[in-house]
Amino acid sequence: MPARDLPRTANLETRTKETRIEVRVNLDGTGRSHISTGIRFFDHMISSFATHSLIDINIRARGDLRHHIVEDCAIALGKCIGMALDAREGILRFGSSFAPMDESLAFAAVDLVKRNYCVLSNFEIRRNVIEDLPKEDVAHFFRSFSNSLNCTTHIRLEYGSNDHHKIEACFKALALAMRRAMEKDPRRRVSPSSSVPSSKGVM
């Protein structure tokens, strides 16, 4: 069986003096999730990300501070998805999407090549804390996730007035872009020589 036909799943557990994170993903799932971090709005955003990316995600996280929990969850989730993607052969590689959330609209574009770069554009959140999540931790999540997944990510908040909706639109746009980028490309699966979506021959 070709490696690209193997189940795209991964498990990861990380422990530091600050946090303990357990993550399990199935890239070819149905968007099921069980998220328990102790930060309710963060749990809601990761659950929404799972729903719209169709990645099954289980996360159990405990830690001393909210900032450490969000950061280490982003790192662990990104690494776990990267492990499940393996050599990143036979995928579309690129994905982009707009996502509306009531009056808010966000755009995200992803390149799953192994170059980490993250751009957040027009990411203007008025409140310092949204529900129980500091706004600076939201931006830090996106950057840490992109860096640990080792991919290029662009997220642009087009407009909006409700901070909750603005952030949720960004998570949903990223989820839809990831869903597209991770998708198996039947034209890449014809022969081993065409399986890598890069002119360099490696990702």
Protein backbone atom coordinates (compact mmCIF):
# COMPACT_ATOMS: atom_id res chain seq x y z
CA MET A 1 0.00 0.00 0.00
CA PRO A 2 1.50 3.41 -0.94
CA ALA A 3 2.42 5.58 2.02
CA ARG A 4 -0.01 8.28 0.91
CA ASP A 5 -2.91 5.82 1.29
CA LEU A 6 -2.17 5.13 4.94
CA PRO A 7 -4.51 6.61 7.57
CA ARG A 8 -3.56 10.21 8.21
CA THR A 9 -3.70 10.16 11.99
CA ALA A 10 -1.33 11.16 14.76
CA ASN A 11 -1.08 11.40 18.54
CA LEU A 12 1.15 13.70 20.56
CA GLU A 13 1.69 14.35 24.25
CA THR A 14 3.87 17.17 25.54
CA ARG A 15 4.85 17.96 29.12
CA THR A 16 6.67 20.95 30.52
CA LYS A 17 6.80 22.57 33.93
CA GLU A 18 4.02 24.84 32.68
CA THR A 19 1.64 22.59 30.72
CA ARG A 20 0.59 19.07 29.85
CA ILE A 21 -1.02 18.72 26.43
CA GLU A 22 -2.51 15.61 24.80
CA VAL A 23 -3.57 15.84 21.15
CA ARG A 24 -5.03 13.33 18.70
CA VAL A 25 -6.00 14.12 15.09
CA ASN A 26 -7.51 12.33 12.12
CA LEU A 27 -7.16 14.43 8.97
CA ASP A 28 -9.74 12.34 7.10
CA GLY A 29 -12.37 12.57 9.79
CA THR A 30 -15.80 14.18 9.97
CA GLY A 31 -14.97 17.17 12.15
CA ARG A 32 -15.69 15.56 15.49
CA SER A 33 -13.95 17.11 18.46
CA HIS A 34 -13.47 16.85 22.19
CA ILE A 35 -11.62 19.89 23.46
CA SER A 36 -10.85 20.49 27.14
CA THR A 37 -8.42 23.30 27.93
CA GLY A 38 -10.16 25.13 30.75
CA ILE A 39 -10.59 28.19 28.47
CA ARG A 40 -14.16 28.14 27.20
CA PHE A 41 -13.86 30.49 24.24
CA PHE A 42 -10.67 28.75 23.11
CA ASP A 43 -12.43 25.37 23.32
CA HIS A 44 -15.23 26.82 21.18
CA MET A 45 -12.78 28.11 18.53
CA ILE A 46 -10.88 24.81 18.26
CA SER A 47 -14.17 22.91 18.04
CA SER A 48 -15.26 25.25 15.24
CA PHE A 49 -11.91 24.72 13.51
CA ALA A 50 -12.45 20.94 13.69
CA THR A 51 -16.01 21.17 12.37
CA HIS A 52 -15.09 23.15 9.28
CA SER A 53 -11.72 21.55 8.48
CA LEU A 54 -13.26 18.07 8.92
CA ILE A 55 -10.27 17.13 11.07
CA ASP A 56 -11.24 15.00 14.08
CA ILE A 57 -9.46 16.70 17.00
CA ASN A 58 -9.14 15.63 20.61
CA ILE A 59 -7.25 17.95 22.95
CA ARG A 60 -6.83 17.70 26.70
CA ALA A 61 -4.74 20.49 28.19
CA ARG A 62 -3.80 21.56 31.68
CA GLY A 63 -1.44 24.32 32.71
CA ASP A 64 -0.56 27.20 34.97
CA LEU A 65 -1.54 30.19 32.81
CA ARG A 66 -3.94 30.79 29.93
CA HIS A 67 -1.15 32.14 27.73
CA HIS A 68 0.95 28.99 28.22
CA ILE A 69 -2.02 26.71 27.55
CA VAL A 70 -2.98 28.50 24.30
CA GLU A 71 0.62 28.64 23.07
CA ASP A 72 1.41 25.01 23.84
CA CYS A 73 -1.90 23.80 22.37
CA ALA A 74 -1.10 25.69 19.16
CA ILE A 75 2.36 24.14 19.01
CA ALA A 76 1.12 20.63 19.78
CA LEU A 77 -1.82 20.82 17.35
CA GLY A 78 0.40 22.12 14.56
CA LYS A 79 3.01 19.42 15.16
CA CYS A 80 0.37 16.70 15.33
CA ILE A 81 -1.22 17.74 12.03
CA GLY A 82 2.27 17.87 10.50
CA MET A 83 2.95 14.33 11.70
CA ALA A 84 -0.32 13.14 10.16
CA LEU A 85 0.56 14.83 6.85
CA ASP A 86 3.85 12.88 6.83
CA ALA A 87 5.80 13.74 3.63
CA ARG A 88 2.90 15.87 2.35
CA GLU A 89 2.75 13.97 -0.91
CA GLY A 90 -0.37 13.70 -3.07
CA ILE A 91 -2.13 16.72 -1.57
CA LEU A 92 -3.40 19.93 -3.15
CA ARG A 93 -0.96 21.88 -0.94
CA PHE A 94 -2.67 25.26 -1.40
CA GLY A 95 -6.00 26.29 0.08
CA SER A 96 -7.86 29.55 0.55
CA SER A 97 -11.30 30.63 1.66
CA PHE A 98 -13.49 33.48 2.82
CA ALA A 99 -15.69 32.85 5.85
CA PRO A 100 -18.50 35.15 7.01
CA MET A 101 -19.74 35.29 10.60
CA ASP A 102 -22.78 37.54 10.69
CA GLU A 103 -21.43 41.08 10.09
CA SER A 104 -17.78 39.94 10.05
CA LEU A 105 -15.78 38.52 7.15
CA ALA A 106 -12.32 36.89 7.16
CA PHE A 107 -10.03 35.43 4.53
CA ALA A 108 -7.32 32.79 4.96
CA ALA A 109 -4.77 31.25 2.59
CA VAL A 110 -2.51 28.30 3.40
CA ASP A 111 0.50 26.75 1.66
CA LEU A 112 1.50 23.44 3.24
CA VAL A 113 5.01 23.59 1.86
CA LYS A 114 7.55 23.29 4.68
CA ARG A 115 8.28 27.01 5.06
CA ASN A 116 6.88 28.68 8.13
CA TYR A 117 5.57 32.18 7.68
CA CYS A 118 2.50 33.79 9.18
CA VAL A 119 0.88 37.09 8.23
CA LEU A 120 -2.08 38.53 10.14
CA SER A 121 -3.54 41.48 8.29
CA ASN A 122 -6.02 44.05 9.59
CA PHE A 123 -6.38 41.97 12.77
CA GLU A 124 -8.08 44.70 14.76
CA ILE A 125 -9.80 43.53 17.93
CA ARG A 126 -11.09 46.27 20.20
CA ARG A 127 -11.53 44.43 23.49
CA ASN A 128 -8.50 43.17 25.41
CA VAL A 129 -10.35 40.00 26.45
CA ILE A 130 -12.98 38.18 24.38
CA GLU A 131 -15.12 36.02 26.65
CA ASP A 132 -12.28 34.43 28.69
CA LEU A 133 -9.49 34.63 26.09
CA PRO A 134 -7.03 37.58 25.81
CA LYS A 135 -6.91 38.99 22.28
CA GLU A 136 -3.09 38.83 22.20
CA ASP A 137 -3.32 35.07 22.74
CA VAL A 138 -5.52 34.71 19.65
CA ALA A 139 -2.86 36.23 17.38
CA HIS A 140 -0.20 34.20 19.19
CA PHE A 141 -2.19 31.01 18.54
CA PHE A 142 -2.28 31.59 14.79
CA ARG A 143 1.46 32.33 14.62
CA SER A 144 2.46 29.41 16.86
CA PHE A 145 0.19 27.01 14.98
CA SER A 146 1.59 28.04 11.60
CA ASN A 147 5.20 27.84 12.78
CA SER A 148 4.83 24.41 14.38
CA LEU A 149 2.94 23.04 11.35
CA ASN A 150 5.78 24.47 9.26
CA CYS A 151 3.57 26.10 6.66
CA THR A 152 2.76 29.51 5.24
CA THR A 153 -0.41 31.14 6.53
CA HIS A 154 -2.08 34.42 5.67
CA ILE A 155 -5.16 35.55 7.59
CA ARG A 156 -6.90 38.82 6.81
CA LEU A 157 -9.82 40.21 8.78
CA GLU A 158 -11.81 42.03 6.13
CA TYR A 159 -14.27 43.82 8.41
CA GLY A 160 -16.62 43.39 11.33
CA SER A 161 -17.92 45.06 14.48
CA ASN A 162 -18.32 42.21 16.97
CA ASP A 163 -14.99 40.94 18.33
CA HIS A 164 -16.34 37.44 19.00
CA HIS A 165 -17.59 37.19 15.43
CA LYS A 166 -14.35 38.58 13.97
CA ILE A 167 -12.22 35.96 15.70
CA GLU A 168 -14.61 33.14 14.88
CA ALA A 169 -14.61 34.15 11.21
CA CYS A 170 -10.80 33.94 11.22
CA PHE A 171 -10.82 30.45 12.72
CA LYS A 172 -13.45 29.28 10.22
CA ALA A 173 -11.58 30.76 7.25
CA LEU A 174 -8.39 29.02 8.39
CA ALA A 175 -10.28 25.74 8.80
CA LEU A 176 -11.73 25.91 5.29
CA ALA A 177 -8.34 26.79 3.80
CA MET A 178 -6.69 23.89 5.66
CA ARG A 179 -9.41 21.50 4.51
CA ARG A 180 -8.70 22.39 0.89
CA ALA A 181 -4.90 22.33 1.22
CA MET A 182 -4.89 18.90 2.91
CA GLU A 183 -7.22 17.36 0.35
CA LYS A 184 -5.83 14.41 -1.62
CA ASP A 185 -5.25 15.30 -5.27
CA PRO A 186 -6.21 12.38 -7.57
CA ARG A 187 -4.02 13.78 -10.35
CA ARG A 188 -0.99 13.71 -8.04
CA ARG A 189 -1.65 10.08 -7.19
CA VAL A 190 -1.24 8.72 -10.73
CA SER A 191 2.47 8.00 -10.36
CA PRO A 192 5.17 8.42 -7.69
CA SER A 193 7.02 10.89 -9.89
CA SER A 194 4.10 13.35 -9.77
CA SER A 195 3.08 12.86 -6.13
CA VAL A 196 5.00 15.82 -4.70
CA PRO A 197 3.23 19.16 -5.32
CA SER A 198 6.44 21.13 -5.78
CA SER A 199 8.72 21.84 -8.73
CA LYS A 200 11.65 21.14 -6.39
CA GLY A 201 10.54 17.53 -6.01
CA VAL A 202 10.38 17.81 -2.20
CA MET A 203 8.20 19.69 0.22
